[in-house]
Structure formats: structure tokens, C-alpha cells
Amino acid sequence: IVGLLPIVFGMIAIVPTGHTGILTTFGKVEDVTLEAGLHIKAPVQEVVAMDNRTQKRMLDLKCFSSDIQEVSIKYSINYQIQKSNAQTIYKTIGQNYYEVVMDPRIQEAVRSVIANYTAESLIEQREVLSQQITAILIKELGTYNIEVVNTAIEDMDFSDAFTQAVEDKQVAQQQLLKAKTEQEQLTMEQEAQAQRQ
């Protein structure tokens, strides 16, 4: 009985809640997935648990706009693997699929979209940027059976020199508008005075 106990326990596999079980026989991935719970397996088989819950990652990226201004982007992505294809992900990529597949593609998508806009237009087009990046990631990560739940540009920061230049431009525009208004008012007063004379 004591000798049989290790064999009996070797035939039991537990898949935690929020995970998909990948069944392997001598290292070969089987074409079945196991739901959360208790399962019976052969003693020569192993069960690898793949997390299928929604997960979140944050990335801090340095990008360049089309006018060669450096932009620091804080980008977040929520994602999950497709449960039905968990064995394919494990077989073709492995458990470190974020580092192997996702991270480089997220960086490339963010940088390529940012490079299409000037630094000034990035501030105004933030929502459009997020939509374009998300569309790219849904398409690219979908081919690896990874679903993009949602993404967001959490923060966007520019160099001090650029921020100061934008502020100076705004001040100059306000001063120009003020001078133009004052000039128009002076012209109207002169015309009124000329009519009275």
C-alpha cells in the first residue's frame, strides 16, 4: 500500500482557478487542455498551469515624434490568453510569452504610431493614438492567440526645452491676439473721431 501511494498521487493533477492545464507526456504537448479542478492523468504525464486571467503590464518607453522630439510614454495593456489555444501558446512560445512575443511588439507599435505625429499634435491626438496602437496590437497579438482587453496611454512627458517652447508659443499667440485687438479698437476710435470731425 505504501509503495502504491506515490503512484496514486502521481495520477492526480490539480489545476488552480484562473488557469488552464497543459497536459504533456514525456515532454510532448497533448492536444487537450484541462479546466480548473482535479484531474486524473497517467503517472508519466505532467500538467503545466497557464494563467488565463486578465493581466496588466506597464511599460515606460522613450519615443521620438516626427519632428524628432523625445517623448516619454507610460503605456499600459490588459491582456489574456485564449483558453482554448493555451496548449498552442505553450508549444510554440512557452510560458514566458510576454517577454518573447508581447513586449517587443508593444514597443514597436507605440514607437511607430508616435513617429507619425509632431510633438505638438501628440497632445491633441492622444485618444486617436491610443486607438491606432490598440488596433495594431489586436491584429498582431491575435495571431499568437493573445487577446488585447484594453490599452491606455497613462502619461506623456516631453523634454523641458520643448515644454518651455510650447509655453512661450502660447504666450506669444496671446500677446499677438491682444495687440491685434488693441489695434482694431484704436482704429475704430480713430474712425469714429474722424466721422465726428
C-alpha atoms as a PDB file:
ATOM      1  CA  ILE A   1       0.000   0.000   0.000  1.00  0.00           C
ATOM      2  CA  VAL A   2       2.820   2.384   0.930  1.00  0.00           C
ATOM      3  CA  GLY A   3       4.536   1.609  -2.389  1.00  0.00           C
ATOM      4  CA  LEU A   4       1.331   2.341  -4.324  1.00  0.00           C
ATOM      5  CA  LEU A   5       0.743   5.751  -2.709  1.00  0.00           C
ATOM      6  CA  PRO A   6       3.329   7.657  -4.829  1.00  0.00           C
ATOM      7  CA  ILE A   7       1.814   6.140  -7.993  1.00  0.00           C
ATOM      8  CA  VAL A   8      -1.728   7.113  -6.940  1.00  0.00           C
ATOM      9  CA  PHE A   9      -0.658  10.680  -6.078  1.00  0.00           C
ATOM     10  CA  GLY A  10       1.266  10.802  -9.371  1.00  0.00           C
ATOM     11  CA  MET A  11      -2.026  10.196 -11.185  1.00  0.00           C
ATOM     12  CA  ILE A  12      -3.737  13.238  -9.628  1.00  0.00           C
ATOM     13  CA  ALA A  13      -3.326  16.754 -11.032  1.00  0.00           C
ATOM     14  CA  ILE A  14      -4.861  19.957  -9.691  1.00  0.00           C
ATOM     15  CA  VAL A  15      -5.307  22.976 -11.974  1.00  0.00           C
ATOM     16  CA  PRO A  16      -5.792  26.201  -9.952  1.00  0.00           C
ATOM     17  CA  THR A  17      -8.717  28.549 -10.578  1.00  0.00           C
ATOM     18  CA  GLY A  18      -7.960  31.086 -13.334  1.00  0.00           C
ATOM     19  CA  HIS A  19      -5.548  28.718 -15.054  1.00  0.00           C
ATOM     20  CA  THR A  20      -5.655  26.279 -17.959  1.00  0.00           C
ATOM     21  CA  GLY A  21      -3.836  22.965 -17.599  1.00  0.00           C
ATOM     22  CA  ILE A  22      -1.489  21.871 -20.391  1.00  0.00           C
ATOM     23  CA  LEU A  23      -1.020  18.104 -20.458  1.00  0.00           C
ATOM     24  CA  THR A  24       2.413  16.789 -21.519  1.00  0.00           C
ATOM     25  CA  THR A  25       3.553  13.192 -21.981  1.00  0.00           C
ATOM     26  CA  PHE A  26       7.343  12.769 -21.793  1.00  0.00           C
ATOM     27  CA  GLY A  27       7.600  16.479 -22.729  1.00  0.00           C
ATOM     28  CA  LYS A  28       5.232  16.203 -25.727  1.00  0.00           C
ATOM     29  CA  VAL A  29       2.297  18.621 -25.541  1.00  0.00           C
ATOM     30  CA  GLU A  30      -1.083  16.899 -25.898  1.00  0.00           C
ATOM     31  CA  ASP A  31      -3.892  18.492 -27.923  1.00  0.00           C
ATOM     32  CA  VAL A  32      -6.173  18.827 -24.898  1.00  0.00           C
ATOM     33  CA  THR A  33      -6.475  21.462 -22.201  1.00  0.00           C
ATOM     34  CA  LEU A  34      -7.667  20.919 -18.648  1.00  0.00           C
ATOM     35  CA  GLU A  35     -10.085  23.242 -16.873  1.00  0.00           C
ATOM     36  CA  ALA A  36      -9.554  24.317 -13.264  1.00  0.00           C
ATOM     37  CA  GLY A  37     -10.103  21.493 -10.799  1.00  0.00           C
ATOM     38  CA  LEU A  38      -8.986  17.928 -10.026  1.00  0.00           C
ATOM     39  CA  HIS A  39      -7.926  15.625 -12.893  1.00  0.00           C
ATOM     40  CA  ILE A  40      -6.710  12.061 -13.311  1.00  0.00           C
ATOM     41  CA  LYS A  41      -3.654  11.535 -15.517  1.00  0.00           C
ATOM     42  CA  ALA A  42      -1.072   8.867 -16.279  1.00  0.00           C
ATOM     43  CA  PRO A  43       1.941   8.831 -13.927  1.00  0.00           C
ATOM     44  CA  VAL A  44       4.230   9.670 -16.876  1.00  0.00           C
ATOM     45  CA  GLN A  45       2.228  12.801 -17.689  1.00  0.00           C
ATOM     46  CA  GLU A  46       2.789  16.302 -16.310  1.00  0.00           C
ATOM     47  CA  VAL A  47       0.349  19.220 -16.058  1.00  0.00           C
ATOM     48  CA  VAL A  48       1.605  22.777 -16.615  1.00  0.00           C
ATOM     49  CA  ALA A  49      -0.698  25.581 -15.404  1.00  0.00           C
ATOM     50  CA  MET A  50      -1.056  28.582 -17.763  1.00  0.00           C
ATOM     51  CA  ASP A  51      -2.636  31.738 -16.306  1.00  0.00           C
ATOM     52  CA  ASN A  52      -5.710  32.666 -18.389  1.00  0.00           C
ATOM     53  CA  ARG A  53      -6.888  35.581 -16.233  1.00  0.00           C
ATOM     54  CA  THR A  54      -6.758  39.187 -17.439  1.00  0.00           C
ATOM     55  CA  GLN A  55      -3.293  40.511 -16.691  1.00  0.00           C
ATOM     56  CA  LYS A  56      -1.844  44.032 -16.756  1.00  0.00           C
ATOM     57  CA  ARG A  57       1.591  45.290 -17.741  1.00  0.00           C
ATOM     58  CA  MET A  58       3.029  48.811 -17.658  1.00  0.00           C
ATOM     59  CA  LEU A  59       5.786  49.970 -19.995  1.00  0.00           C
ATOM     60  CA  ASP A  60       7.940  53.100 -19.788  1.00  0.00           C
ATOM     61  CA  LEU A  61       9.104  53.954 -23.307  1.00  0.00           C
ATOM     62  CA  LYS A  62      11.271  56.628 -24.902  1.00  0.00           C
ATOM     63  CA  CYS A  63       9.923  57.557 -28.333  1.00  0.00           C
ATOM     64  CA  PHE A  64      10.562  60.215 -30.965  1.00  0.00           C
ATOM     65  CA  SER A  65       7.913  62.285 -32.731  1.00  0.00           C
ATOM     66  CA  SER A  66       8.047  63.071 -36.461  1.00  0.00           C
ATOM     67  CA  ASP A  67       9.810  66.376 -35.642  1.00  0.00           C
ATOM     68  CA  ILE A  68      12.491  64.484 -33.639  1.00  0.00           C
ATOM     69  CA  GLN A  69      11.263  65.484 -30.181  1.00  0.00           C
ATOM     70  CA  GLU A  70      11.852  62.926 -27.420  1.00  0.00           C
ATOM     71  CA  VAL A  71       8.646  61.765 -25.715  1.00  0.00           C
ATOM     72  CA  SER A  72       8.445  59.622 -22.581  1.00  0.00           C
ATOM     73  CA  ILE A  73       5.369  57.379 -22.715  1.00  0.00           C
ATOM     74  CA  LYS A  74       3.850  55.389 -19.849  1.00  0.00           C
ATOM     75  CA  TYR A  75       1.736  52.737 -21.581  1.00  0.00           C
ATOM     76  CA  SER A  76      -0.493  50.066 -20.050  1.00  0.00           C
ATOM     77  CA  ILE A  77      -2.032  46.960 -21.588  1.00  0.00           C
ATOM     78  CA  ASN A  78      -4.564  44.456 -20.219  1.00  0.00           C
ATOM     79  CA  TYR A  79      -4.477  41.072 -21.947  1.00  0.00           C
ATOM     80  CA  GLN A  80      -5.295  37.397 -21.569  1.00  0.00           C
ATOM     81  CA  ILE A  81      -4.517  34.198 -23.423  1.00  0.00           C
ATOM     82  CA  GLN A  82      -7.220  32.325 -25.333  1.00  0.00           C
ATOM     83  CA  LYS A  83      -8.073  29.375 -23.095  1.00  0.00           C
ATOM     84  CA  SER A  84      -8.884  27.057 -25.985  1.00  0.00           C
ATOM     85  CA  ASN A  85      -5.435  27.651 -27.529  1.00  0.00           C
ATOM     86  CA  ALA A  86      -3.341  27.621 -24.352  1.00  0.00           C
ATOM     87  CA  GLN A  87      -1.552  24.440 -25.472  1.00  0.00           C
ATOM     88  CA  THR A  88      -0.580  26.118 -28.781  1.00  0.00           C
ATOM     89  CA  ILE A  89       0.926  29.077 -26.908  1.00  0.00           C
ATOM     90  CA  TYR A  90       2.844  26.726 -24.611  1.00  0.00           C
ATOM     91  CA  LYS A  91       4.001  24.567 -27.533  1.00  0.00           C
ATOM     92  CA  THR A  92       5.123  27.398 -29.850  1.00  0.00           C
ATOM     93  CA  ILE A  93       6.225  30.133 -27.405  1.00  0.00           C
ATOM     94  CA  GLY A  94       6.322  28.834 -23.833  1.00  0.00           C
ATOM     95  CA  GLN A  95       5.216  30.314 -20.524  1.00  0.00           C
ATOM     96  CA  ASN A  96       7.284  33.478 -20.990  1.00  0.00           C
ATOM     97  CA  TYR A  97       5.153  34.596 -23.958  1.00  0.00           C
ATOM     98  CA  TYR A  98       5.011  38.194 -22.651  1.00  0.00           C
ATOM     99  CA  GLU A  99       8.785  38.669 -22.884  1.00  0.00           C
ATOM    100  CA  VAL A 100       9.156  36.709 -26.146  1.00  0.00           C
ATOM    101  CA  VAL A 101       6.193  37.982 -28.169  1.00  0.00           C
ATOM    102  CA  MET A 102       4.291  40.790 -26.486  1.00  0.00           C
ATOM    103  CA  ASP A 103       6.923  43.202 -25.155  1.00  0.00           C
ATOM    104  CA  PRO A 104       8.767  43.742 -28.477  1.00  0.00           C
ATOM    105  CA  ARG A 105       5.504  44.151 -30.418  1.00  0.00           C
ATOM    106  CA  ILE A 106       4.054  46.634 -27.929  1.00  0.00           C
ATOM    107  CA  GLN A 107       7.236  48.715 -28.066  1.00  0.00           C
ATOM    108  CA  GLU A 108       7.279  48.652 -31.876  1.00  0.00           C
ATOM    109  CA  ALA A 109       3.566  49.566 -32.155  1.00  0.00           C
ATOM    110  CA  VAL A 110       3.836  52.517 -29.738  1.00  0.00           C
ATOM    111  CA  ARG A 111       7.024  53.876 -31.326  1.00  0.00           C
ATOM    112  CA  SER A 112       5.765  53.533 -34.916  1.00  0.00           C
ATOM    113  CA  VAL A 113       2.489  55.363 -34.181  1.00  0.00           C
ATOM    114  CA  ILE A 114       4.183  58.142 -32.158  1.00  0.00           C
ATOM    115  CA  ALA A 115       6.655  58.694 -35.027  1.00  0.00           C
ATOM    116  CA  ASN A 116       3.757  59.674 -37.334  1.00  0.00           C
ATOM    117  CA  TYR A 117       2.863  62.772 -35.310  1.00  0.00           C
ATOM    118  CA  THR A 118       4.599  66.002 -34.395  1.00  0.00           C
ATOM    119  CA  ALA A 119       5.212  66.557 -30.693  1.00  0.00           C
ATOM    120  CA  GLU A 120       2.574  69.290 -30.583  1.00  0.00           C
ATOM    121  CA  SER A 121      -0.102  67.165 -32.268  1.00  0.00           C
ATOM    122  CA  LEU A 122       0.566  64.256 -29.888  1.00  0.00           C
ATOM    123  CA  ILE A 123      -1.016  66.235 -27.063  1.00  0.00           C
ATOM    124  CA  GLU A 124      -4.174  66.935 -29.073  1.00  0.00           C
ATOM    125  CA  GLN A 125      -4.471  63.450 -30.652  1.00  0.00           C
ATOM    126  CA  ARG A 126      -3.971  61.304 -27.535  1.00  0.00           C
ATOM    127  CA  GLU A 127      -7.235  59.353 -27.959  1.00  0.00           C
ATOM    128  CA  VAL A 128      -6.546  58.720 -31.663  1.00  0.00           C
ATOM    129  CA  LEU A 129      -3.032  57.490 -30.823  1.00  0.00           C
ATOM    130  CA  SER A 130      -4.385  55.018 -28.281  1.00  0.00           C
ATOM    131  CA  GLN A 131      -6.936  53.664 -30.792  1.00  0.00           C
ATOM    132  CA  GLN A 132      -4.297  53.213 -33.517  1.00  0.00           C
ATOM    133  CA  ILE A 133      -1.873  51.411 -31.180  1.00  0.00           C
ATOM    134  CA  THR A 134      -4.675  49.146 -29.890  1.00  0.00           C
ATOM    135  CA  ALA A 135      -5.749  48.242 -33.448  1.00  0.00           C
ATOM    136  CA  ILE A 136      -2.173  47.202 -34.324  1.00  0.00           C
ATOM    137  CA  LEU A 137      -1.790  45.122 -31.149  1.00  0.00           C
ATOM    138  CA  ILE A 138      -5.155  43.357 -31.531  1.00  0.00           C
ATOM    139  CA  LYS A 139      -4.141  42.253 -35.029  1.00  0.00           C
ATOM    140  CA  GLU A 140      -0.541  41.246 -34.223  1.00  0.00           C
ATOM    141  CA  LEU A 141      -1.096  39.559 -30.850  1.00  0.00           C
ATOM    142  CA  GLY A 142      -4.228  37.804 -32.108  1.00  0.00           C
ATOM    143  CA  THR A 143      -2.022  35.702 -34.388  1.00  0.00           C
ATOM    144  CA  TYR A 144      -0.378  34.330 -31.210  1.00  0.00           C
ATOM    145  CA  ASN A 145      -3.761  33.591 -29.535  1.00  0.00           C
ATOM    146  CA  ILE A 146      -3.393  36.517 -27.126  1.00  0.00           C
ATOM    147  CA  GLU A 147      -6.408  38.791 -26.658  1.00  0.00           C
ATOM    148  CA  VAL A 148      -5.972  42.518 -26.004  1.00  0.00           C
ATOM    149  CA  VAL A 149      -8.619  43.522 -23.441  1.00  0.00           C
ATOM    150  CA  ASN A 150      -7.761  47.243 -23.407  1.00  0.00           C
ATOM    151  CA  THR A 151      -4.827  49.633 -23.562  1.00  0.00           C
ATOM    152  CA  ALA A 152      -4.134  53.194 -22.449  1.00  0.00           C
ATOM    153  CA  ILE A 153      -1.540  55.933 -22.706  1.00  0.00           C
ATOM    154  CA  GLU A 154      -1.262  56.644 -18.984  1.00  0.00           C
ATOM    155  CA  ASP A 155       1.174  59.545 -19.263  1.00  0.00           C
ATOM    156  CA  MET A 156       3.062  61.511 -21.912  1.00  0.00           C
ATOM    157  CA  ASP A 157       6.029  63.700 -20.987  1.00  0.00           C
ATOM    158  CA  PHE A 158       8.215  65.925 -23.141  1.00  0.00           C
ATOM    159  CA  SER A 159      11.648  67.445 -22.619  1.00  0.00           C
ATOM    160  CA  ASP A 160      11.829  70.631 -20.514  1.00  0.00           C
ATOM    161  CA  ALA A 161      13.057  72.593 -23.541  1.00  0.00           C
ATOM    162  CA  PHE A 162      10.066  71.538 -25.650  1.00  0.00           C
ATOM    163  CA  THR A 163       7.578  72.223 -22.834  1.00  0.00           C
ATOM    164  CA  GLN A 164       9.073  75.703 -22.401  1.00  0.00           C
ATOM    165  CA  ALA A 165       8.903  76.318 -26.169  1.00  0.00           C
ATOM    166  CA  VAL A 166       5.203  75.367 -26.235  1.00  0.00           C
ATOM    167  CA  GLU A 167       4.504  77.705 -23.301  1.00  0.00           C
ATOM    168  CA  ASP A 168       6.435  80.529 -24.992  1.00  0.00           C
ATOM    169  CA  LYS A 169       4.458  79.970 -28.188  1.00  0.00           C
ATOM    170  CA  GLN A 170       1.164  80.134 -26.295  1.00  0.00           C
ATOM    171  CA  VAL A 171       2.229  83.358 -24.569  1.00  0.00           C
ATOM    172  CA  ALA A 172       3.332  84.860 -27.904  1.00  0.00           C
ATOM    173  CA  GLN A 173      -0.017  83.940 -29.502  1.00  0.00           C
ATOM    174  CA  GLN A 174      -1.912  85.541 -26.624  1.00  0.00           C
ATOM    175  CA  GLN A 175       0.197  88.710 -26.869  1.00  0.00           C
ATOM    176  CA  LEU A 176      -0.335  88.842 -30.630  1.00  0.00           C
ATOM    177  CA  LEU A 177      -4.082  88.456 -30.174  1.00  0.00           C
ATOM    178  CA  LYS A 178      -4.084  91.198 -27.519  1.00  0.00           C
ATOM    179  CA  ALA A 179      -2.074  93.552 -29.748  1.00  0.00           C
ATOM    180  CA  LYS A 180      -4.388  92.864 -32.687  1.00  0.00           C
ATOM    181  CA  THR A 181      -7.474  93.561 -30.547  1.00  0.00           C
ATOM    182  CA  GLU A 182      -5.946  96.791 -29.229  1.00  0.00           C
ATOM    183  CA  GLN A 183      -5.054  97.863 -32.783  1.00  0.00           C
ATOM    184  CA  GLU A 184      -8.593  97.193 -34.014  1.00  0.00           C
ATOM    185  CA  GLN A 185     -10.027  99.169 -31.102  1.00  0.00           C
ATOM    186  CA  LEU A 186      -7.665 102.094 -31.798  1.00  0.00           C
ATOM    187  CA  THR A 187      -8.616 102.054 -35.488  1.00  0.00           C
ATOM    188  CA  MET A 188     -12.326 102.111 -34.628  1.00  0.00           C
ATOM    189  CA  GLU A 189     -11.799 105.051 -32.240  1.00  0.00           C
ATOM    190  CA  GLN A 190      -9.861 106.969 -34.903  1.00  0.00           C
ATOM    191  CA  GLU A 191     -12.591 106.300 -37.481  1.00  0.00           C
ATOM    192  CA  ALA A 192     -15.287 107.449 -35.014  1.00  0.00           C
ATOM    193  CA  GLN A 193     -13.318 110.611 -34.251  1.00  0.00           C
ATOM    194  CA  ALA A 194     -12.811 111.302 -37.957  1.00  0.00           C
ATOM    195  CA  GLN A 195     -16.557 110.961 -38.564  1.00  0.00           C
ATOM    196  CA  ARG A 196     -17.342 113.352 -35.685  1.00  0.00           C
ATOM    197  CA  GLN A 197     -14.922 115.945 -37.135  1.00  0.00           C
END
